[in-house]
Amino acid sequence: MQETEHENTLLPETPVERLQRVLRLYRSIKPLLTLLGNLPILPSSWRASVLIFTQALDALLAVGPSITAGFKAGRDL
């Protein structure tokens, strides 16, 4: 959370900055999401949804650096 304290919220965010911000926040709450996905008191559909969500964010985290390094704003395809 210390990383987000020094962000300038007045400037508009680019898509890459938003992705980086989501991945930073996900790293900090991943243990909580993992715990929620394993709690037997939650309905099985909720646990499955949390597990699918964490798997999707893990996949995004795995390819995140390649997305941010290859993205150039305004570059023609």
PDB file of N, CA and C in Angstrom:
ATOM      1  N   MET A   1       0.819  -1.191   0.000  1.00  0.00           N
ATOM      2  CA  MET A   1       0.000   0.000   0.000  1.00  0.00           C
ATOM      3  C   MET A   1       0.864   1.256   0.000  1.00  0.00           C
ATOM      4  N   GLN A   2       2.109   1.134   0.424  1.00  0.00           N
ATOM      5  CA  GLN A   2       2.988   2.292   0.426  1.00  0.00           C
ATOM      6  C   GLN A   2       3.282   2.765  -0.986  1.00  0.00           C
ATOM      7  N   GLU A   3       3.249   1.843  -1.951  1.00  0.00           N
ATOM      8  CA  GLU A   3       3.503   2.217  -3.338  1.00  0.00           C
ATOM      9  C   GLU A   3       2.412   3.131  -3.875  1.00  0.00           C
ATOM     10  N   THR A   4       1.189   2.954  -3.419  1.00  0.00           N
ATOM     11  CA  THR A   4       0.076   3.750  -3.930  1.00  0.00           C
ATOM     12  C   THR A   4      -0.044   5.105  -3.249  1.00  0.00           C
ATOM     13  N   GLU A   5       0.649   5.310  -2.130  1.00  0.00           N
ATOM     14  CA  GLU A   5       0.557   6.582  -1.427  1.00  0.00           C
ATOM     15  C   GLU A   5       1.196   7.724  -2.206  1.00  0.00           C
ATOM     16  N   HIS A   6       2.173   7.412  -3.026  1.00  0.00           N
ATOM     17  CA  HIS A   6       2.909   8.456  -3.725  1.00  0.00           C
ATOM     18  C   HIS A   6       2.436   8.653  -5.164  1.00  0.00           C
ATOM     19  N   GLU A   7       1.315   8.070  -5.531  1.00  0.00           N
ATOM     20  CA  GLU A   7       0.802   8.226  -6.881  1.00  0.00           C
ATOM     21  C   GLU A   7       0.116   9.579  -7.027  1.00  0.00           C
ATOM     22  N   ASN A   8       0.282  10.176  -8.188  1.00  0.00           N
ATOM     23  CA  ASN A   8      -0.381  11.429  -8.488  1.00  0.00           C
ATOM     24  C   ASN A   8      -1.737  11.109  -9.091  1.00  0.00           C
ATOM     25  N   THR A   9      -2.798  11.349  -8.345  1.00  0.00           N
ATOM     26  CA  THR A   9      -4.139  10.995  -8.804  1.00  0.00           C
ATOM     27  C   THR A   9      -4.776  12.083  -9.653  1.00  0.00           C
ATOM     28  N   LEU A  10      -4.109  13.214  -9.833  1.00  0.00           N
ATOM     29  CA  LEU A  10      -4.664  14.300 -10.628  1.00  0.00           C
ATOM     30  C   LEU A  10      -4.428  14.099 -12.124  1.00  0.00           C
ATOM     31  N   LEU A  11      -3.374  13.376 -12.473  1.00  0.00           N
ATOM     32  CA  LEU A  11      -3.089  13.117 -13.871  1.00  0.00           C
ATOM     33  C   LEU A  11      -3.903  11.927 -14.363  1.00  0.00           C
ATOM     34  N   PRO A  12      -4.374  11.984 -15.611  1.00  0.00           N
ATOM     35  CA  PRO A  12      -5.119  10.829 -16.122  1.00  0.00           C
ATOM     36  C   PRO A  12      -4.203   9.620 -16.289  1.00  0.00           C
ATOM     37  N   GLU A  13      -4.740   8.451 -16.014  1.00  0.00           N
ATOM     38  CA  GLU A  13      -3.957   7.225 -16.094  1.00  0.00           C
ATOM     39  C   GLU A  13      -4.020   6.650 -17.508  1.00  0.00           C
ATOM     40  N   THR A  14      -2.913   6.121 -17.944  1.00  0.00           N
ATOM     41  CA  THR A  14      -2.888   5.393 -19.205  1.00  0.00           C
ATOM     42  C   THR A  14      -3.321   3.955 -18.919  1.00  0.00           C
ATOM     43  N   PRO A  15      -3.693   3.205 -19.946  1.00  0.00           N
ATOM     44  CA  PRO A  15      -4.067   1.805 -19.704  1.00  0.00           C
ATOM     45  C   PRO A  15      -2.953   0.984 -19.057  1.00  0.00           C
ATOM     46  N   VAL A  16      -1.724   1.253 -19.420  1.00  0.00           N
ATOM     47  CA  VAL A  16      -0.603   0.510 -18.828  1.00  0.00           C
ATOM     48  C   VAL A  16      -0.470   0.835 -17.348  1.00  0.00           C
ATOM     49  N   GLU A  17      -0.623   2.095 -16.981  1.00  0.00           N
ATOM     50  CA  GLU A  17      -0.546   2.480 -15.573  1.00  0.00           C
ATOM     51  C   GLU A  17      -1.678   1.849 -14.773  1.00  0.00           C
ATOM     52  N   ARG A  18      -2.867   1.771 -15.370  1.00  0.00           N
ATOM     53  CA  ARG A  18      -3.991   1.123 -14.682  1.00  0.00           C
ATOM     54  C   ARG A  18      -3.709  -0.351 -14.456  1.00  0.00           C
ATOM     55  N   LEU A  19      -3.157  -1.009 -15.475  1.00  0.00           N
ATOM     56  CA  LEU A  19      -2.816  -2.423 -15.341  1.00  0.00           C
ATOM     57  C   LEU A  19      -1.779  -2.623 -14.247  1.00  0.00           C
ATOM     58  N   GLN A  20      -0.761  -1.784 -14.226  1.00  0.00           N
ATOM     59  CA  GLN A  20       0.272  -1.891 -13.196  1.00  0.00           C
ATOM     60  C   GLN A  20      -0.318  -1.667 -11.807  1.00  0.00           C
ATOM     61  N   ARG A  21      -1.233  -0.728 -11.697  1.00  0.00           N
ATOM     62  CA  ARG A  21      -1.861  -0.438 -10.405  1.00  0.00           C
ATOM     63  C   ARG A  21      -2.703  -1.626  -9.930  1.00  0.00           C
ATOM     64  N   VAL A  22      -3.470  -2.218 -10.844  1.00  0.00           N
ATOM     65  CA  VAL A  22      -4.285  -3.383 -10.486  1.00  0.00           C
ATOM     66  C   VAL A  22      -3.397  -4.538 -10.042  1.00  0.00           C
ATOM     67  N   LEU A  23      -2.297  -4.755 -10.745  1.00  0.00           N
ATOM     68  CA  LEU A  23      -1.403  -5.856 -10.380  1.00  0.00           C
ATOM     69  C   LEU A  23      -0.725  -5.615  -9.035  1.00  0.00           C
ATOM     70  N   ARG A  24      -0.363  -4.365  -8.738  1.00  0.00           N
ATOM     71  CA  ARG A  24       0.212  -4.055  -7.415  1.00  0.00           C
ATOM     72  C   ARG A  24      -0.801  -4.319  -6.306  1.00  0.00           C
ATOM     73  N   LEU A  25      -2.037  -3.877  -6.526  1.00  0.00           N
ATOM     74  CA  LEU A  25      -3.068  -4.094  -5.512  1.00  0.00           C
ATOM     75  C   LEU A  25      -3.382  -5.579  -5.352  1.00  0.00           C
ATOM     76  N   TYR A  26      -3.387  -6.304  -6.466  1.00  0.00           N
ATOM     77  CA  TYR A  26      -3.674  -7.734  -6.396  1.00  0.00           C
ATOM     78  C   TYR A  26      -2.610  -8.464  -5.586  1.00  0.00           C
ATOM     79  N   ARG A  27      -1.344  -8.095  -5.764  1.00  0.00           N
ATOM     80  CA  ARG A  27      -0.277  -8.742  -4.994  1.00  0.00           C
ATOM     81  C   ARG A  27      -0.508  -8.589  -3.495  1.00  0.00           C
ATOM     82  N   SER A  28      -1.050  -7.443  -3.093  1.00  0.00           N
ATOM     83  CA  SER A  28      -1.239  -7.214  -1.658  1.00  0.00           C
ATOM     84  C   SER A  28      -2.461  -7.940  -1.101  1.00  0.00           C
ATOM     85  N   ILE A  29      -3.479  -8.198  -1.914  1.00  0.00           N
ATOM     86  CA  ILE A  29      -4.681  -8.862  -1.399  1.00  0.00           C
ATOM     87  C   ILE A  29      -4.773 -10.331  -1.810  1.00  0.00           C
ATOM     88  N   LYS A  30      -3.774 -10.823  -2.520  1.00  0.00           N
ATOM     89  CA  LYS A  30      -3.809 -12.216  -2.963  1.00  0.00           C
ATOM     90  C   LYS A  30      -3.957 -13.199  -1.806  1.00  0.00           C
ATOM     91  N   PRO A  31      -3.253 -13.041  -0.669  1.00  0.00           N
ATOM     92  CA  PRO A  31      -3.449 -13.979   0.442  1.00  0.00           C
ATOM     93  C   PRO A  31      -4.897 -13.988   0.959  1.00  0.00           C
ATOM     94  N   LEU A  32      -5.521 -12.829   1.009  1.00  0.00           N
ATOM     95  CA  LEU A  32      -6.907 -12.761   1.464  1.00  0.00           C
ATOM     96  C   LEU A  32      -7.838 -13.484   0.496  1.00  0.00           C
ATOM     97  N   LEU A  33      -7.630 -13.280  -0.798  1.00  0.00           N
ATOM     98  CA  LEU A  33      -8.462 -13.960  -1.794  1.00  0.00           C
ATOM     99  C   LEU A  33      -8.256 -15.469  -1.754  1.00  0.00           C
ATOM    100  N   THR A  34      -7.028 -15.890  -1.522  1.00  0.00           N
ATOM    101  CA  THR A  34      -6.745 -17.323  -1.415  1.00  0.00           C
ATOM    102  C   THR A  34      -7.465 -17.913  -0.200  1.00  0.00           C
ATOM    103  N   LEU A  35      -7.442 -17.197   0.902  1.00  0.00           N
ATOM    104  CA  LEU A  35      -8.146 -17.651   2.104  1.00  0.00           C
ATOM    105  C   LEU A  35      -9.648 -17.738   1.850  1.00  0.00           C
ATOM    106  N   LEU A  36     -10.220 -16.724   1.213  1.00  0.00           N
ATOM    107  CA  LEU A  36     -11.652 -16.736   0.921  1.00  0.00           C
ATOM    108  C   LEU A  36     -12.028 -17.893   0.004  1.00  0.00           C
ATOM    109  N   GLY A  37     -11.155 -18.206  -0.948  1.00  0.00           N
ATOM    110  CA  GLY A  37     -11.430 -19.302  -1.861  1.00  0.00           C
ATOM    111  C   GLY A  37     -11.398 -20.659  -1.215  1.00  0.00           C
ATOM    112  N   ASN A  38     -10.823 -20.751  -0.011  1.00  0.00           N
ATOM    113  CA  ASN A  38     -10.715 -22.036   0.683  1.00  0.00           C
ATOM    114  C   ASN A  38     -11.621 -22.154   1.901  1.00  0.00           C
ATOM    115  N   LEU A  39     -12.395 -21.127   2.210  1.00  0.00           N
ATOM    116  CA  LEU A  39     -13.274 -21.183   3.386  1.00  0.00           C
ATOM    117  C   LEU A  39     -14.489 -22.070   3.108  1.00  0.00           C
ATOM    118  N   PRO A  40     -14.700 -23.085   3.925  1.00  0.00           N
ATOM    119  CA  PRO A  40     -15.848 -23.969   3.690  1.00  0.00           C
ATOM    120  C   PRO A  40     -17.195 -23.344   4.072  1.00  0.00           C
ATOM    121  N   ILE A  41     -17.181 -22.215   4.783  1.00  0.00           N
ATOM    122  CA  ILE A  41     -18.458 -21.608   5.180  1.00  0.00           C
ATOM    123  C   ILE A  41     -19.089 -20.811   4.041  1.00  0.00           C
ATOM    124  N   LEU A  42     -18.304 -20.482   3.015  1.00  0.00           N
ATOM    125  CA  LEU A  42     -18.855 -19.781   1.855  1.00  0.00           C
ATOM    126  C   LEU A  42     -19.522 -20.783   0.919  1.00  0.00           C
ATOM    127  N   PRO A  43     -20.567 -20.368   0.232  1.00  0.00           N
ATOM    128  CA  PRO A  43     -21.181 -21.269  -0.746  1.00  0.00           C
ATOM    129  C   PRO A  43     -20.160 -21.671  -1.815  1.00  0.00           C
ATOM    130  N   SER A  44     -20.327 -22.874  -2.339  1.00  0.00           N
ATOM    131  CA  SER A  44     -19.346 -23.391  -3.299  1.00  0.00           C
ATOM    132  C   SER A  44     -19.274 -22.536  -4.557  1.00  0.00           C
ATOM    133  N   SER A  45     -20.380 -21.939  -4.973  1.00  0.00           N
ATOM    134  CA  SER A  45     -20.343 -21.084  -6.167  1.00  0.00           C
ATOM    135  C   SER A  45     -19.496 -19.833  -5.919  1.00  0.00           C
ATOM    136  N   TRP A  46     -19.550 -19.285  -4.709  1.00  0.00           N
ATOM    137  CA  TRP A  46     -18.729 -18.115  -4.379  1.00  0.00           C
ATOM    138  C   TRP A  46     -17.252 -18.485  -4.339  1.00  0.00           C
ATOM    139  N   ARG A  47     -16.958 -19.630  -3.719  1.00  0.00           N
ATOM    140  CA  ARG A  47     -15.566 -20.078  -3.659  1.00  0.00           C
ATOM    141  C   ARG A  47     -15.015 -20.311  -5.053  1.00  0.00           C
ATOM    142  N   ALA A  48     -15.826 -20.912  -5.913  1.00  0.00           N
ATOM    143  CA  ALA A  48     -15.386 -21.149  -7.287  1.00  0.00           C
ATOM    144  C   ALA A  48     -15.143 -19.832  -8.015  1.00  0.00           C
ATOM    145  N   SER A  49     -16.010 -18.862  -7.780  1.00  0.00           N
ATOM    146  CA  SER A  49     -15.838 -17.551  -8.421  1.00  0.00           C
ATOM    147  C   SER A  49     -14.556 -16.860  -7.951  1.00  0.00           C
ATOM    148  N   VAL A  50     -14.280 -16.931  -6.664  1.00  0.00           N
ATOM    149  CA  VAL A  50     -13.060 -16.329  -6.128  1.00  0.00           C
ATOM    150  C   VAL A  50     -11.832 -17.029  -6.706  1.00  0.00           C
ATOM    151  N   LEU A  51     -11.880 -18.353  -6.801  1.00  0.00           N
ATOM    152  CA  LEU A  51     -10.749 -19.097  -7.357  1.00  0.00           C
ATOM    153  C   LEU A  51     -10.529 -18.770  -8.836  1.00  0.00           C
ATOM    154  N   ILE A  52     -11.599 -18.657  -9.594  1.00  0.00           N
ATOM    155  CA  ILE A  52     -11.469 -18.297 -11.011  1.00  0.00           C
ATOM    156  C   ILE A  52     -10.917 -16.882 -11.147  1.00  0.00           C
ATOM    157  N   PHE A  53     -11.382 -15.985 -10.290  1.00  0.00           N
ATOM    158  CA  PHE A  53     -10.889 -14.605 -10.315  1.00  0.00           C
ATOM    159  C   PHE A  53      -9.393 -14.552 -10.004  1.00  0.00           C
ATOM    160  N   THR A  54      -8.957 -15.295  -8.992  1.00  0.00           N
ATOM    161  CA  THR A  54      -7.530 -15.293  -8.649  1.00  0.00           C
ATOM    162  C   THR A  54      -6.696 -15.948  -9.749  1.00  0.00           C
ATOM    163  N   GLN A  55      -7.226 -16.979 -10.390  1.00  0.00           N
ATOM    164  CA  GLN A  55      -6.505 -17.602 -11.498  1.00  0.00           C
ATOM    165  C   GLN A  55      -6.361 -16.642 -12.670  1.00  0.00           C
ATOM    166  N   ALA A  56      -7.410 -15.881 -12.947  1.00  0.00           N
ATOM    167  CA  ALA A  56      -7.353 -14.906 -14.034  1.00  0.00           C
ATOM    168  C   ALA A  56      -6.327 -13.815 -13.729  1.00  0.00           C
ATOM    169  N   LEU A  57      -6.310 -13.330 -12.493  1.00  0.00           N
ATOM    170  CA  LEU A  57      -5.343 -12.298 -12.129  1.00  0.00           C
ATOM    171  C   LEU A  57      -3.921 -12.855 -12.068  1.00  0.00           C
ATOM    172  N   ASP A  58      -3.762 -14.111 -11.683  1.00  0.00           N
ATOM    173  CA  ASP A  58      -2.440 -14.737 -11.722  1.00  0.00           C
ATOM    174  C   ASP A  58      -1.928 -14.828 -13.160  1.00  0.00           C
ATOM    175  N   ALA A  59      -2.810 -15.177 -14.086  1.00  0.00           N
ATOM    176  CA  ALA A  59      -2.418 -15.233 -15.500  1.00  0.00           C
ATOM    177  C   ALA A  59      -2.044 -13.846 -16.008  1.00  0.00           C
ATOM    178  N   LEU A  60      -2.798 -12.843 -15.603  1.00  0.00           N
ATOM    179  CA  LEU A  60      -2.479 -11.474 -15.988  1.00  0.00           C
ATOM    180  C   LEU A  60      -1.171 -11.020 -15.370  1.00  0.00           C
ATOM    181  N   LEU A  61      -0.916 -11.434 -14.153  1.00  0.00           N
ATOM    182  CA  LEU A  61       0.332 -11.101 -13.475  1.00  0.00           C
ATOM    183  C   LEU A  61       1.520 -11.746 -14.183  1.00  0.00           C
ATOM    184  N   ALA A  62       1.315 -12.947 -14.712  1.00  0.00           N
ATOM    185  CA  ALA A  62       2.398 -13.651 -15.399  1.00  0.00           C
ATOM    186  C   ALA A  62       2.777 -12.968 -16.713  1.00  0.00           C
ATOM    187  N   VAL A  63       1.800 -12.411 -17.419  1.00  0.00           N
ATOM    188  CA  VAL A  63       2.094 -11.762 -18.702  1.00  0.00           C
ATOM    189  C   VAL A  63       2.158 -10.245 -18.586  1.00  0.00           C
ATOM    190  N   GLY A  64       1.929  -9.717 -17.392  1.00  0.00           N
ATOM    191  CA  GLY A  64       1.915  -8.265 -17.185  1.00  0.00           C
ATOM    192  C   GLY A  64       3.165  -7.551 -17.649  1.00  0.00           C
ATOM    193  N   PRO A  65       4.369  -8.011 -17.299  1.00  0.00           N
ATOM    194  CA  PRO A  65       5.575  -7.295 -17.736  1.00  0.00           C
ATOM    195  C   PRO A  65       5.726  -7.255 -19.260  1.00  0.00           C
ATOM    196  N   SER A  66       5.331  -8.310 -19.946  1.00  0.00           N
ATOM    197  CA  SER A  66       5.461  -8.297 -21.405  1.00  0.00           C
ATOM    198  C   SER A  66       4.447  -7.358 -22.033  1.00  0.00           C
ATOM    199  N   ILE A  67       3.275  -7.206 -21.408  1.00  0.00           N
ATOM    200  CA  ILE A  67       2.276  -6.276 -21.927  1.00  0.00           C
ATOM    201  C   ILE A  67       2.761  -4.846 -21.748  1.00  0.00           C
ATOM    202  N   THR A  68       3.270  -4.532 -20.569  1.00  0.00           N
ATOM    203  CA  THR A  68       3.685  -3.161 -20.288  1.00  0.00           C
ATOM    204  C   THR A  68       4.932  -2.779 -21.074  1.00  0.00           C
ATOM    205  N   ALA A  69       5.828  -3.735 -21.342  1.00  0.00           N
ATOM    206  CA  ALA A  69       7.049  -3.416 -22.075  1.00  0.00           C
ATOM    207  C   ALA A  69       6.773  -3.215 -23.558  1.00  0.00           C
ATOM    208  N   GLY A  70       5.800  -3.935 -24.093  1.00  0.00           N
ATOM    209  CA  GLY A  70       5.526  -3.854 -25.524  1.00  0.00           C
ATOM    210  C   GLY A  70       4.529  -2.799 -25.910  1.00  0.00           C
ATOM    211  N   PHE A  71       3.887  -2.168 -24.949  1.00  0.00           N
ATOM    212  CA  PHE A  71       2.857  -1.184 -25.269  1.00  0.00           C
ATOM    213  C   PHE A  71       3.482   0.173 -25.540  1.00  0.00           C
ATOM    214  N   LYS A  72       3.161   0.733 -26.686  1.00  0.00           N
ATOM    215  CA  LYS A  72       3.584   2.090 -27.044  1.00  0.00           C
ATOM    216  C   LYS A  72       2.343   2.868 -27.450  1.00  0.00           C
ATOM    217  N   ALA A  73       2.008   3.890 -26.712  1.00  0.00           N
ATOM    218  CA  ALA A  73       0.820   4.673 -27.009  1.00  0.00           C
ATOM    219  C   ALA A  73       0.965   5.390 -28.340  1.00  0.00           C
ATOM    220  N   GLY A  74      -0.051   5.276 -29.170  1.00  0.00           N
ATOM    221  CA  GLY A  74      -0.045   5.965 -30.444  1.00  0.00           C
ATOM    222  C   GLY A  74       0.699   5.249 -31.546  1.00  0.00           C
ATOM    223  N   ARG A  75       1.235   4.080 -31.273  1.00  0.00           N
ATOM    224  CA  ARG A  75       1.984   3.353 -32.290  1.00  0.00           C
ATOM    225  C   ARG A  75       1.006   2.685 -33.245  1.00  0.00           C
ATOM    226  N   ASP A  76       1.260   2.805 -34.512  1.00  0.00           N
ATOM    227  CA  ASP A  76       0.423   2.174 -35.522  1.00  0.00           C
ATOM    228  C   ASP A  76       0.717   0.698 -35.583  1.00  0.00           C
ATOM    229  N   LEU A  77      -0.328  -0.066 -35.846  1.00  0.00           N
ATOM    230  CA  LEU A  77      -0.154  -1.511 -35.917  1.00  0.00           C
ATOM    231  C   LEU A  77       0.380  -1.931 -37.253  1.00  0.00           C
TER     232      LEU A  77
END
